[in-house]
Amino acid sequence: MRFLVPFEATRPKTRLDPVLDADERAAFARAMLRDVLDALRTAGHDPTVVATRALDEGDVPVAVDERPLSAAVNARLGESLPVGVLVADLGLVTPAAVRSLVDAGRDADVAVAPGRGGGTNGLVVSHPDFRVDFHGVSVRDHLTAARDVGATTRVVDSMRLATDVDEPADLVEVLLHGDGEAAAWLRAAGFTLDAGDGRVGIDRTA
């Protein structure tokens, strides 16, 4: 299946500014992107990165599109169906998690993988009239939009697909559960888990 992987390449992961400088944020974002691409390819799918500027991801095609996320994705949804969409900041993603999303898409016109806090981290779309809108409480809005065009829906309950990395506290999940390039990057940068105050946080030794 064709998968679109939107990627903010110009100013990635700005909410990680308290713990990472601009160059580090860019490097960490690319590490997460590569984890997503590796999971998709291992699961047998064909990713295309939709990025805000040109970048080299080896043999993975990159389409440069400076439009907002929703417009960039919607412009490509109708090229062929079914099509998947997976965000680029899933530091815990695995091929098995990808397969769970694709399997749900076989049973419904629109399969939705919610993110924490009401976002949408993954979609598989088979209905020609469905369009995305990633603003606001997008998981609710996507389910409503699907029903409005007569599409059947499935919701995918997956911790690995729900955990997108935006805030410093999210790095805890990558260190705890990740085993890909993003987790390795954090450890090499000196990040460790800190359980000193009862609730697990992060510390940096270098």
N, C-alpha and C. Protein backbone atom coordinates (compact mmCIF):
# COMPACT_ATOMS: atom_id res chain seq x y z
N MET A 1 0.84 -1.20 0.00
CA MET A 1 0.00 0.00 0.00
C MET A 1 0.87 1.25 0.00
N ARG A 2 0.40 2.27 -0.69
CA ARG A 2 1.07 3.56 -0.69
C ARG A 2 0.78 4.28 0.62
N PHE A 3 1.83 4.79 1.27
CA PHE A 3 1.68 5.56 2.51
C PHE A 3 2.30 6.93 2.32
N LEU A 4 1.59 7.96 2.76
CA LEU A 4 2.12 9.32 2.83
C LEU A 4 2.62 9.57 4.25
N VAL A 5 3.83 10.13 4.35
CA VAL A 5 4.42 10.43 5.66
C VAL A 5 4.73 11.92 5.69
N PRO A 6 3.83 12.74 6.22
CA PRO A 6 4.09 14.18 6.28
C PRO A 6 5.22 14.48 7.27
N PHE A 7 6.09 15.42 6.87
CA PHE A 7 7.26 15.74 7.70
C PHE A 7 7.54 17.22 7.65
N GLU A 8 7.55 17.85 8.83
CA GLU A 8 7.94 19.25 8.96
C GLU A 8 9.46 19.32 9.00
N ALA A 9 10.04 19.67 7.86
CA ALA A 9 11.50 19.67 7.75
C ALA A 9 12.13 21.02 7.99
N THR A 10 11.33 22.08 8.02
CA THR A 10 11.88 23.43 8.12
C THR A 10 12.19 23.80 9.57
N ARG A 11 11.22 23.62 10.46
CA ARG A 11 11.42 23.91 11.89
C ARG A 11 10.80 22.77 12.69
N PRO A 12 11.46 21.61 12.71
CA PRO A 12 10.83 20.45 13.34
C PRO A 12 10.87 20.50 14.86
N LYS A 13 9.82 19.98 15.47
CA LYS A 13 9.77 19.68 16.90
C LYS A 13 10.14 20.88 17.77
N THR A 14 9.53 22.03 17.51
CA THR A 14 9.88 23.23 18.26
C THR A 14 9.52 23.13 19.75
N ARG A 15 8.55 22.30 20.09
CA ARG A 15 8.17 22.17 21.50
C ARG A 15 9.19 21.37 22.32
N LEU A 16 10.18 20.80 21.65
CA LEU A 16 11.28 20.15 22.36
C LEU A 16 12.42 21.12 22.65
N ASP A 17 12.20 22.39 22.38
CA ASP A 17 13.23 23.41 22.58
C ASP A 17 13.80 23.43 24.01
N PRO A 18 13.02 23.13 25.06
CA PRO A 18 13.62 23.15 26.40
C PRO A 18 14.74 22.14 26.60
N VAL A 19 14.79 21.07 25.80
CA VAL A 19 15.80 20.03 26.02
C VAL A 19 16.70 19.79 24.82
N LEU A 20 16.35 20.32 23.64
CA LEU A 20 17.16 20.10 22.44
C LEU A 20 17.31 21.42 21.70
N ASP A 21 18.53 21.69 21.22
CA ASP A 21 18.72 22.88 20.39
C ASP A 21 18.23 22.58 18.97
N ALA A 22 18.30 23.58 18.10
CA ALA A 22 17.71 23.45 16.77
C ALA A 22 18.33 22.31 15.97
N ASP A 23 19.66 22.19 16.00
CA ASP A 23 20.32 21.11 15.26
C ASP A 23 19.95 19.75 15.84
N GLU A 24 19.84 19.66 17.16
CA GLU A 24 19.46 18.40 17.78
C GLU A 24 18.02 18.03 17.46
N ARG A 25 17.15 19.01 17.46
CA ARG A 25 15.76 18.73 17.11
C ARG A 25 15.65 18.19 15.69
N ALA A 26 16.41 18.79 14.77
CA ALA A 26 16.39 18.32 13.39
C ALA A 26 16.90 16.89 13.29
N ALA A 27 17.99 16.59 14.00
CA ALA A 27 18.55 15.24 13.95
C ALA A 27 17.61 14.22 14.57
N PHE A 28 17.00 14.58 15.69
CA PHE A 28 16.08 13.65 16.35
C PHE A 28 14.83 13.43 15.52
N ALA A 29 14.32 14.49 14.91
CA ALA A 29 13.14 14.35 14.04
C ALA A 29 13.44 13.42 12.87
N ARG A 30 14.63 13.53 12.28
CA ARG A 30 14.99 12.65 11.18
C ARG A 30 15.13 11.21 11.65
N ALA A 31 15.62 11.01 12.89
CA ALA A 31 15.72 9.65 13.43
C ALA A 31 14.33 9.03 13.57
N MET A 32 13.35 9.80 14.07
CA MET A 32 11.99 9.28 14.17
C MET A 32 11.41 9.01 12.79
N LEU A 33 11.66 9.90 11.84
CA LEU A 33 11.19 9.69 10.48
C LEU A 33 11.73 8.38 9.93
N ARG A 34 13.01 8.12 10.13
CA ARG A 34 13.59 6.88 9.61
C ARG A 34 12.98 5.66 10.29
N ASP A 35 12.64 5.76 11.58
CA ASP A 35 11.95 4.65 12.24
C ASP A 35 10.60 4.38 11.59
N VAL A 36 9.86 5.44 11.28
CA VAL A 36 8.56 5.28 10.63
C VAL A 36 8.73 4.65 9.25
N LEU A 37 9.68 5.15 8.48
CA LEU A 37 9.90 4.61 7.14
C LEU A 37 10.33 3.15 7.20
N ASP A 38 11.21 2.80 8.14
CA ASP A 38 11.65 1.42 8.28
C ASP A 38 10.49 0.50 8.64
N ALA A 39 9.61 0.97 9.56
CA ALA A 39 8.46 0.15 9.95
C ALA A 39 7.53 -0.07 8.77
N LEU A 40 7.30 0.97 7.99
CA LEU A 40 6.42 0.83 6.82
C LEU A 40 7.00 -0.13 5.79
N ARG A 41 8.28 0.01 5.49
CA ARG A 41 8.88 -0.86 4.49
C ARG A 41 8.97 -2.30 4.97
N THR A 42 9.30 -2.49 6.24
CA THR A 42 9.36 -3.85 6.78
C THR A 42 7.99 -4.52 6.73
N ALA A 43 6.94 -3.72 6.92
CA ALA A 43 5.58 -4.25 6.86
C ALA A 43 5.10 -4.44 5.42
N GLY A 44 5.93 -4.07 4.45
CA GLY A 44 5.62 -4.34 3.05
C GLY A 44 4.93 -3.22 2.30
N HIS A 45 5.07 -1.97 2.78
CA HIS A 45 4.38 -0.86 2.16
C HIS A 45 5.36 0.12 1.53
N ASP A 46 4.82 1.06 0.75
CA ASP A 46 5.63 1.98 -0.05
C ASP A 46 5.42 3.41 0.44
N PRO A 47 6.33 3.91 1.29
CA PRO A 47 6.15 5.27 1.81
C PRO A 47 6.67 6.33 0.85
N THR A 48 6.00 7.48 0.90
CA THR A 48 6.48 8.71 0.28
C THR A 48 6.48 9.78 1.35
N VAL A 49 7.60 10.44 1.54
CA VAL A 49 7.68 11.54 2.50
C VAL A 49 7.14 12.80 1.84
N VAL A 50 6.22 13.47 2.52
CA VAL A 50 5.72 14.76 2.05
C VAL A 50 6.32 15.81 2.98
N ALA A 51 7.36 16.49 2.50
CA ALA A 51 8.17 17.35 3.36
C ALA A 51 8.07 18.81 2.95
N THR A 52 8.31 19.69 3.91
CA THR A 52 8.22 21.12 3.65
C THR A 52 9.45 21.66 2.92
N ARG A 53 10.50 20.87 2.82
CA ARG A 53 11.65 21.23 1.99
C ARG A 53 12.34 19.96 1.54
N ALA A 54 13.26 20.07 0.59
CA ALA A 54 13.93 18.90 0.04
C ALA A 54 14.81 18.25 1.09
N LEU A 55 14.82 16.92 1.10
CA LEU A 55 15.72 16.16 1.96
C LEU A 55 15.98 14.82 1.30
N ASP A 56 17.06 14.19 1.73
CA ASP A 56 17.49 12.92 1.15
C ASP A 56 17.19 11.80 2.12
N GLU A 57 16.30 10.91 1.73
CA GLU A 57 16.02 9.72 2.52
C GLU A 57 16.31 8.45 1.73
N GLY A 58 17.44 8.47 1.03
CA GLY A 58 17.87 7.30 0.28
C GLY A 58 16.91 6.98 -0.84
N ASP A 59 16.40 5.74 -0.85
CA ASP A 59 15.54 5.31 -1.94
C ASP A 59 14.07 5.61 -1.69
N VAL A 60 13.75 6.33 -0.61
CA VAL A 60 12.36 6.71 -0.35
C VAL A 60 12.07 8.02 -1.06
N PRO A 61 11.03 8.06 -1.90
CA PRO A 61 10.72 9.32 -2.60
C PRO A 61 10.27 10.41 -1.63
N VAL A 62 10.67 11.64 -1.94
CA VAL A 62 10.32 12.80 -1.14
C VAL A 62 9.62 13.81 -2.04
N ALA A 63 8.39 14.18 -1.67
CA ALA A 63 7.64 15.21 -2.38
C ALA A 63 7.68 16.48 -1.56
N VAL A 64 8.19 17.56 -2.13
CA VAL A 64 8.27 18.83 -1.41
C VAL A 64 6.96 19.58 -1.57
N ASP A 65 6.37 19.96 -0.43
CA ASP A 65 5.10 20.67 -0.44
C ASP A 65 5.08 21.60 0.76
N GLU A 66 5.08 22.91 0.51
CA GLU A 66 5.14 23.89 1.58
C GLU A 66 3.77 24.26 2.14
N ARG A 67 2.73 23.68 1.60
CA ARG A 67 1.38 23.97 2.10
C ARG A 67 1.18 23.37 3.49
N PRO A 68 0.17 23.84 4.22
CA PRO A 68 -0.14 23.21 5.51
C PRO A 68 -0.41 21.72 5.35
N LEU A 69 -0.24 21.00 6.46
CA LEU A 69 -0.31 19.54 6.45
C LEU A 69 -1.56 19.01 5.76
N SER A 70 -2.73 19.51 6.14
CA SER A 70 -3.98 18.95 5.59
C SER A 70 -4.05 19.14 4.08
N ALA A 71 -3.69 20.33 3.60
CA ALA A 71 -3.74 20.59 2.17
C ALA A 71 -2.75 19.71 1.41
N ALA A 72 -1.57 19.53 1.97
CA ALA A 72 -0.55 18.71 1.30
C ALA A 72 -0.99 17.26 1.19
N VAL A 73 -1.63 16.74 2.24
CA VAL A 73 -2.11 15.36 2.21
C VAL A 73 -3.31 15.22 1.29
N ASN A 74 -4.28 16.13 1.40
CA ASN A 74 -5.48 16.03 0.58
C ASN A 74 -5.17 16.09 -0.91
N ALA A 75 -4.14 16.83 -1.28
CA ALA A 75 -3.78 16.91 -2.70
C ALA A 75 -3.34 15.57 -3.27
N ARG A 76 -2.97 14.64 -2.38
CA ARG A 76 -2.44 13.34 -2.83
C ARG A 76 -3.36 12.17 -2.52
N LEU A 77 -4.43 12.41 -1.78
CA LEU A 77 -5.28 11.30 -1.37
C LEU A 77 -5.92 10.58 -2.56
N GLY A 78 -6.35 11.34 -3.54
CA GLY A 78 -7.09 10.73 -4.63
C GLY A 78 -6.25 10.09 -5.71
N GLU A 79 -4.92 10.09 -5.57
CA GLU A 79 -4.07 9.57 -6.64
C GLU A 79 -4.27 8.08 -6.84
N SER A 80 -4.49 7.34 -5.76
CA SER A 80 -4.82 5.92 -5.83
C SER A 80 -5.32 5.51 -4.46
N LEU A 81 -6.26 4.58 -4.44
CA LEU A 81 -6.84 4.09 -3.19
C LEU A 81 -6.71 2.56 -3.15
N PRO A 82 -6.55 2.00 -1.94
CA PRO A 82 -6.44 2.68 -0.65
C PRO A 82 -5.09 3.38 -0.49
N VAL A 83 -5.04 4.32 0.43
CA VAL A 83 -3.80 5.02 0.75
C VAL A 83 -3.72 5.18 2.26
N GLY A 84 -2.52 5.07 2.78
CA GLY A 84 -2.30 5.28 4.21
C GLY A 84 -1.62 6.61 4.46
N VAL A 85 -1.83 7.12 5.66
CA VAL A 85 -1.13 8.32 6.14
C VAL A 85 -0.59 8.00 7.52
N LEU A 86 0.68 8.23 7.74
CA LEU A 86 1.29 7.99 9.04
C LEU A 86 2.20 9.16 9.37
N VAL A 87 2.00 9.77 10.54
CA VAL A 87 2.82 10.92 10.91
C VAL A 87 4.26 10.47 11.17
N ALA A 88 5.18 11.43 11.12
CA ALA A 88 6.61 11.11 11.12
C ALA A 88 7.24 11.08 12.50
N ASP A 89 6.47 11.39 13.55
CA ASP A 89 7.09 11.50 14.88
C ASP A 89 6.63 10.40 15.83
N LEU A 90 6.54 9.18 15.31
CA LEU A 90 6.13 8.03 16.11
C LEU A 90 7.39 7.26 16.53
N GLY A 91 7.94 7.64 17.67
CA GLY A 91 9.20 7.06 18.11
C GLY A 91 9.10 5.63 18.61
N LEU A 92 7.88 5.09 18.68
CA LEU A 92 7.68 3.71 19.13
C LEU A 92 7.14 2.80 18.04
N VAL A 93 6.96 3.30 16.85
CA VAL A 93 6.27 2.54 15.82
C VAL A 93 7.02 1.25 15.48
N THR A 94 6.27 0.21 15.16
CA THR A 94 6.82 -1.08 14.75
C THR A 94 6.06 -1.57 13.53
N PRO A 95 6.63 -2.53 12.80
CA PRO A 95 5.86 -3.12 11.69
C PRO A 95 4.54 -3.72 12.15
N ALA A 96 4.50 -4.33 13.33
CA ALA A 96 3.25 -4.91 13.82
C ALA A 96 2.19 -3.84 14.02
N ALA A 97 2.60 -2.66 14.52
CA ALA A 97 1.65 -1.57 14.70
C ALA A 97 1.12 -1.09 13.35
N VAL A 98 1.99 -1.00 12.36
CA VAL A 98 1.55 -0.63 11.01
C VAL A 98 0.55 -1.65 10.50
N ARG A 99 0.83 -2.93 10.70
CA ARG A 99 -0.08 -3.97 10.21
C ARG A 99 -1.45 -3.86 10.87
N SER A 100 -1.49 -3.47 12.14
CA SER A 100 -2.79 -3.33 12.81
C SER A 100 -3.62 -2.23 12.17
N LEU A 101 -2.98 -1.16 11.73
CA LEU A 101 -3.68 -0.08 11.05
C LEU A 101 -4.17 -0.55 9.68
N VAL A 102 -3.31 -1.22 8.95
CA VAL A 102 -3.69 -1.69 7.61
C VAL A 102 -4.79 -2.73 7.69
N ASP A 103 -4.72 -3.63 8.67
CA ASP A 103 -5.77 -4.63 8.84
C ASP A 103 -7.12 -3.97 9.10
N ALA A 104 -7.12 -2.93 9.94
CA ALA A 104 -8.36 -2.20 10.20
C ALA A 104 -8.89 -1.55 8.92
N GLY A 105 -7.97 -1.10 8.07
CA GLY A 105 -8.38 -0.49 6.82
C GLY A 105 -8.99 -1.47 5.83
N ARG A 106 -8.74 -2.76 6.03
CA ARG A 106 -9.38 -3.76 5.16
C ARG A 106 -10.84 -3.97 5.53
N ASP A 107 -11.20 -3.60 6.76
CA ASP A 107 -12.56 -3.83 7.26
C ASP A 107 -13.42 -2.58 7.25
N ALA A 108 -12.88 -1.45 6.80
CA ALA A 108 -13.64 -0.20 6.84
C ALA A 108 -13.12 0.73 5.74
N ASP A 109 -13.95 1.70 5.39
CA ASP A 109 -13.54 2.68 4.38
C ASP A 109 -12.49 3.64 4.90
N VAL A 110 -12.53 3.91 6.20
CA VAL A 110 -11.55 4.80 6.82
C VAL A 110 -11.15 4.20 8.17
N ALA A 111 -9.90 3.86 8.33
CA ALA A 111 -9.36 3.41 9.62
C ALA A 111 -8.56 4.55 10.22
N VAL A 112 -8.75 4.77 11.52
CA VAL A 112 -8.16 5.92 12.20
C VAL A 112 -7.36 5.43 13.40
N ALA A 113 -6.12 5.86 13.50
CA ALA A 113 -5.30 5.62 14.69
C ALA A 113 -5.19 6.91 15.46
N PRO A 114 -5.88 7.04 16.61
CA PRO A 114 -5.83 8.28 17.37
C PRO A 114 -4.47 8.53 17.99
N GLY A 115 -4.13 9.79 18.13
CA GLY A 115 -3.00 10.19 18.95
C GLY A 115 -3.50 10.65 20.30
N ARG A 116 -2.60 10.77 21.24
CA ARG A 116 -2.99 11.26 22.55
C ARG A 116 -3.44 12.72 22.44
N GLY A 117 -4.44 13.09 23.24
CA GLY A 117 -4.90 14.46 23.24
C GLY A 117 -5.83 14.83 22.10
N GLY A 118 -6.35 13.84 21.38
CA GLY A 118 -7.34 14.13 20.36
C GLY A 118 -6.82 14.24 18.95
N GLY A 119 -5.53 14.03 18.74
CA GLY A 119 -4.98 14.11 17.40
C GLY A 119 -5.19 12.83 16.61
N THR A 120 -4.68 12.82 15.39
CA THR A 120 -4.74 11.65 14.52
C THR A 120 -3.33 11.33 14.05
N ASN A 121 -2.87 10.11 14.32
CA ASN A 121 -1.50 9.74 13.95
C ASN A 121 -1.43 8.82 12.75
N GLY A 122 -2.54 8.19 12.39
CA GLY A 122 -2.53 7.30 11.25
C GLY A 122 -3.91 7.16 10.65
N LEU A 123 -3.94 6.96 9.34
CA LEU A 123 -5.19 6.74 8.61
C LEU A 123 -4.93 5.73 7.50
N VAL A 124 -5.95 4.93 7.20
CA VAL A 124 -6.01 4.20 5.94
C VAL A 124 -7.34 4.55 5.31
N VAL A 125 -7.28 5.07 4.09
CA VAL A 125 -8.46 5.63 3.43
C VAL A 125 -8.75 4.86 2.14
N SER A 126 -9.99 4.39 2.02
CA SER A 126 -10.45 3.72 0.80
C SER A 126 -11.61 4.45 0.14
N HIS A 127 -12.17 5.44 0.81
CA HIS A 127 -13.34 6.14 0.28
C HIS A 127 -12.89 7.36 -0.52
N PRO A 128 -13.36 7.51 -1.76
CA PRO A 128 -12.84 8.59 -2.62
C PRO A 128 -13.24 9.99 -2.19
N ASP A 129 -14.25 10.13 -1.36
CA ASP A 129 -14.72 11.46 -0.97
C ASP A 129 -14.18 11.93 0.38
N PHE A 130 -13.42 11.10 1.05
CA PHE A 130 -12.91 11.48 2.37
C PHE A 130 -11.70 12.40 2.23
N ARG A 131 -11.67 13.44 3.08
CA ARG A 131 -10.53 14.35 3.12
C ARG A 131 -10.12 14.56 4.58
N VAL A 132 -8.86 14.87 4.79
CA VAL A 132 -8.33 15.01 6.14
C VAL A 132 -8.40 16.46 6.60
N ASP A 133 -8.40 16.62 7.91
CA ASP A 133 -8.27 17.93 8.55
C ASP A 133 -7.59 17.70 9.89
N PHE A 134 -6.30 18.01 9.95
CA PHE A 134 -5.51 17.67 11.12
C PHE A 134 -5.54 18.74 12.22
N HIS A 135 -6.39 19.74 12.09
CA HIS A 135 -6.46 20.79 13.10
C HIS A 135 -7.41 20.40 14.22
N GLY A 136 -7.21 20.96 15.39
CA GLY A 136 -8.15 20.77 16.50
C GLY A 136 -8.21 19.33 16.98
N VAL A 137 -9.41 18.89 17.34
CA VAL A 137 -9.61 17.51 17.82
C VAL A 137 -9.81 16.64 16.59
N SER A 138 -8.72 16.36 15.90
CA SER A 138 -8.84 15.81 14.55
C SER A 138 -9.37 14.38 14.53
N VAL A 139 -9.13 13.59 15.59
CA VAL A 139 -9.65 12.22 15.56
C VAL A 139 -11.17 12.25 15.54
N ARG A 140 -11.78 13.10 16.34
CA ARG A 140 -13.23 13.25 16.32
C ARG A 140 -13.71 13.78 14.98
N ASP A 141 -12.99 14.78 14.46
CA ASP A 141 -13.40 15.39 13.20
C ASP A 141 -13.26 14.40 12.03
N HIS A 142 -12.21 13.56 12.05
CA HIS A 142 -12.05 12.59 10.97
C HIS A 142 -13.16 11.54 10.99
N LEU A 143 -13.54 11.09 12.17
CA LEU A 143 -14.64 10.12 12.25
C LEU A 143 -15.95 10.75 11.76
N THR A 144 -16.18 12.00 12.13
CA THR A 144 -17.39 12.70 11.67
C THR A 144 -17.36 12.90 10.16
N ALA A 145 -16.20 13.30 9.63
CA ALA A 145 -16.08 13.53 8.19
C ALA A 145 -16.30 12.24 7.41
N ALA A 146 -15.80 11.13 7.95
CA ALA A 146 -16.00 9.85 7.27
C ALA A 146 -17.48 9.50 7.22
N ARG A 147 -18.15 9.66 8.33
CA ARG A 147 -19.58 9.32 8.36
C ARG A 147 -20.40 10.26 7.48
N ASP A 148 -19.96 11.51 7.38
CA ASP A 148 -20.69 12.48 6.55
C ASP A 148 -20.66 12.11 5.06
N VAL A 149 -19.61 11.40 4.63
CA VAL A 149 -19.55 10.98 3.22
C VAL A 149 -20.00 9.53 3.05
N GLY A 150 -20.56 8.95 4.12
CA GLY A 150 -21.07 7.58 4.03
C GLY A 150 -20.02 6.51 4.15
N ALA A 151 -18.87 6.84 4.72
CA ALA A 151 -17.80 5.87 4.86
C ALA A 151 -17.92 5.12 6.19
N THR A 152 -17.63 3.83 6.15
CA THR A 152 -17.54 3.07 7.39
C THR A 152 -16.19 3.35 8.05
N THR A 153 -16.12 3.18 9.38
CA THR A 153 -14.91 3.54 10.12
C THR A 153 -14.50 2.43 11.08
N ARG A 154 -13.21 2.40 11.35
CA ARG A 154 -12.64 1.58 12.42
C ARG A 154 -11.61 2.42 13.16
N VAL A 155 -11.58 2.30 14.49
CA VAL A 155 -10.60 2.99 15.32
C VAL A 155 -9.59 1.98 15.81
N VAL A 156 -8.31 2.30 15.67
CA VAL A 156 -7.22 1.40 16.04
C VAL A 156 -6.67 1.81 17.40
N ASP A 157 -6.80 0.92 18.36
CA ASP A 157 -6.31 1.17 19.72
C ASP A 157 -4.90 0.63 19.84
N SER A 158 -3.91 1.51 19.72
CA SER A 158 -2.51 1.09 19.72
C SER A 158 -1.66 2.11 20.45
N MET A 159 -1.02 1.69 21.52
CA MET A 159 -0.13 2.58 22.25
C MET A 159 1.01 3.07 21.36
N ARG A 160 1.52 2.21 20.51
CA ARG A 160 2.67 2.60 19.66
C ARG A 160 2.27 3.59 18.57
N LEU A 161 1.06 3.50 18.09
CA LEU A 161 0.60 4.49 17.12
C LEU A 161 0.11 5.76 17.78
N ALA A 162 -0.34 5.67 19.02
CA ALA A 162 -0.87 6.85 19.72
C ALA A 162 0.22 7.76 20.26
N THR A 163 1.43 7.23 20.43
CA THR A 163 2.49 7.99 21.10
C THR A 163 3.32 8.78 20.09
N ASP A 164 2.86 9.98 19.78
CA ASP A 164 3.67 10.90 18.99
C ASP A 164 4.51 11.73 19.96
N VAL A 165 5.64 12.20 19.49
CA VAL A 165 6.60 12.87 20.36
C VAL A 165 6.59 14.36 20.06
N ASP A 166 6.05 15.14 21.00
CA ASP A 166 5.99 16.58 20.84
C ASP A 166 6.64 17.34 21.99
N GLU A 167 6.44 16.84 23.21
CA GLU A 167 6.89 17.52 24.41
C GLU A 167 8.05 16.77 25.06
N PRO A 168 8.87 17.46 25.87
CA PRO A 168 9.96 16.75 26.55
C PRO A 168 9.50 15.52 27.33
N ALA A 169 8.33 15.58 27.95
CA ALA A 169 7.85 14.42 28.71
C ALA A 169 7.63 13.20 27.82
N ASP A 170 7.38 13.41 26.53
CA ASP A 170 7.16 12.29 25.62
C ASP A 170 8.42 11.47 25.40
N LEU A 171 9.59 12.06 25.66
CA LEU A 171 10.85 11.33 25.48
C LEU A 171 10.94 10.14 26.43
N VAL A 172 10.24 10.21 27.57
CA VAL A 172 10.22 9.08 28.50
C VAL A 172 9.74 7.83 27.80
N GLU A 173 8.67 7.95 27.01
CA GLU A 173 8.10 6.78 26.35
C GLU A 173 9.08 6.18 25.35
N VAL A 174 9.81 7.04 24.64
CA VAL A 174 10.78 6.54 23.67
C VAL A 174 11.90 5.78 24.38
N LEU A 175 12.39 6.35 25.49
CA LEU A 175 13.45 5.67 26.24
C LEU A 175 12.97 4.37 26.86
N LEU A 176 11.71 4.35 27.30
CA LEU A 176 11.17 3.14 27.95
C LEU A 176 10.85 2.04 26.95
N HIS A 177 10.23 2.40 25.85
CA HIS A 177 9.64 1.38 24.98
C HIS A 177 10.25 1.32 23.58
N GLY A 178 11.05 2.31 23.21
CA GLY A 178 11.58 2.34 21.86
C GLY A 178 12.83 1.49 21.70
N ASP A 179 12.97 0.90 20.51
CA ASP A 179 14.20 0.15 20.23
C ASP A 179 14.73 0.46 18.83
N GLY A 180 14.32 1.60 18.31
CA GLY A 180 14.75 1.99 16.98
C GLY A 180 15.80 3.09 17.01
N GLU A 181 15.91 3.80 15.89
CA GLU A 181 16.94 4.83 15.76
C GLU A 181 16.67 6.01 16.68
N ALA A 182 15.40 6.36 16.91
CA ALA A 182 15.10 7.50 17.78
C ALA A 182 15.55 7.23 19.21
N ALA A 183 15.26 6.05 19.72
CA ALA A 183 15.70 5.70 21.07
C ALA A 183 17.22 5.67 21.16
N ALA A 184 17.86 5.13 20.14
CA ALA A 184 19.33 5.08 20.14
C ALA A 184 19.92 6.49 20.10
N TRP A 185 19.27 7.39 19.34
CA TRP A 185 19.76 8.77 19.27
C TRP A 185 19.69 9.42 20.64
N LEU A 186 18.57 9.26 21.35
CA LEU A 186 18.44 9.86 22.67
C LEU A 186 19.50 9.34 23.64
N ARG A 187 19.72 8.04 23.62
CA ARG A 187 20.72 7.47 24.54
C ARG A 187 22.12 7.97 24.20
N ALA A 188 22.43 8.06 22.91
CA ALA A 188 23.74 8.56 22.51
C ALA A 188 23.92 10.03 22.89
N ALA A 189 22.81 10.77 22.95
CA ALA A 189 22.87 12.19 23.33
C ALA A 189 22.91 12.38 24.84
N GLY A 190 22.91 11.29 25.59
CA GLY A 190 23.06 11.38 27.04
C GLY A 190 21.77 11.37 27.83
N PHE A 191 20.64 11.09 27.19
CA PHE A 191 19.36 11.07 27.91
C PHE A 191 19.17 9.74 28.63
N THR A 192 18.72 9.84 29.88
CA THR A 192 18.40 8.67 30.68
C THR A 192 17.08 8.90 31.40
N LEU A 193 16.54 7.83 31.95
CA LEU A 193 15.31 7.94 32.74
C LEU A 193 15.64 8.39 34.15
N ASP A 194 14.77 9.21 34.72
CA ASP A 194 14.94 9.72 36.07
C ASP A 194 13.66 9.41 36.86
N ALA A 195 13.75 8.48 37.80
CA ALA A 195 12.60 8.11 38.62
C ALA A 195 12.72 8.64 40.04
N GLY A 196 13.54 9.65 40.23
CA GLY A 196 13.85 10.13 41.59
C GLY A 196 12.68 10.74 42.32
N ASP A 197 11.72 11.33 41.62
CA ASP A 197 10.59 11.99 42.27
C ASP A 197 9.31 11.16 42.23
N GLY A 198 9.44 9.90 41.95
CA GLY A 198 8.27 9.04 41.89
C GLY A 198 7.70 8.90 40.50
N ARG A 199 7.51 10.00 39.79
CA ARG A 199 7.04 9.96 38.41
C ARG A 199 8.26 9.98 37.49
N VAL A 200 8.29 9.07 36.54
CA VAL A 200 9.47 8.94 35.70
C VAL A 200 9.61 10.17 34.79
N GLY A 201 10.82 10.73 34.76
CA GLY A 201 11.14 11.84 33.89
C GLY A 201 12.40 11.52 33.11
N ILE A 202 13.03 12.57 32.58
CA ILE A 202 14.27 12.39 31.83
C ILE A 202 15.38 13.20 32.48
N ASP A 203 16.60 12.74 32.27
CA ASP A 203 17.79 13.45 32.70
C ASP A 203 18.77 13.40 31.54
N ARG A 204 19.72 14.32 31.54
CA ARG A 204 20.73 14.33 30.49
C ARG A 204 22.09 14.47 31.12
N THR A 205 22.97 13.53 30.76
CA THR A 205 24.29 13.48 31.38
C THR A 205 25.37 14.08 30.50
N ALA A 206 25.02 14.44 29.28
CA ALA A 206 26.03 15.00 28.39
C ALA A 206 25.43 16.10 27.53
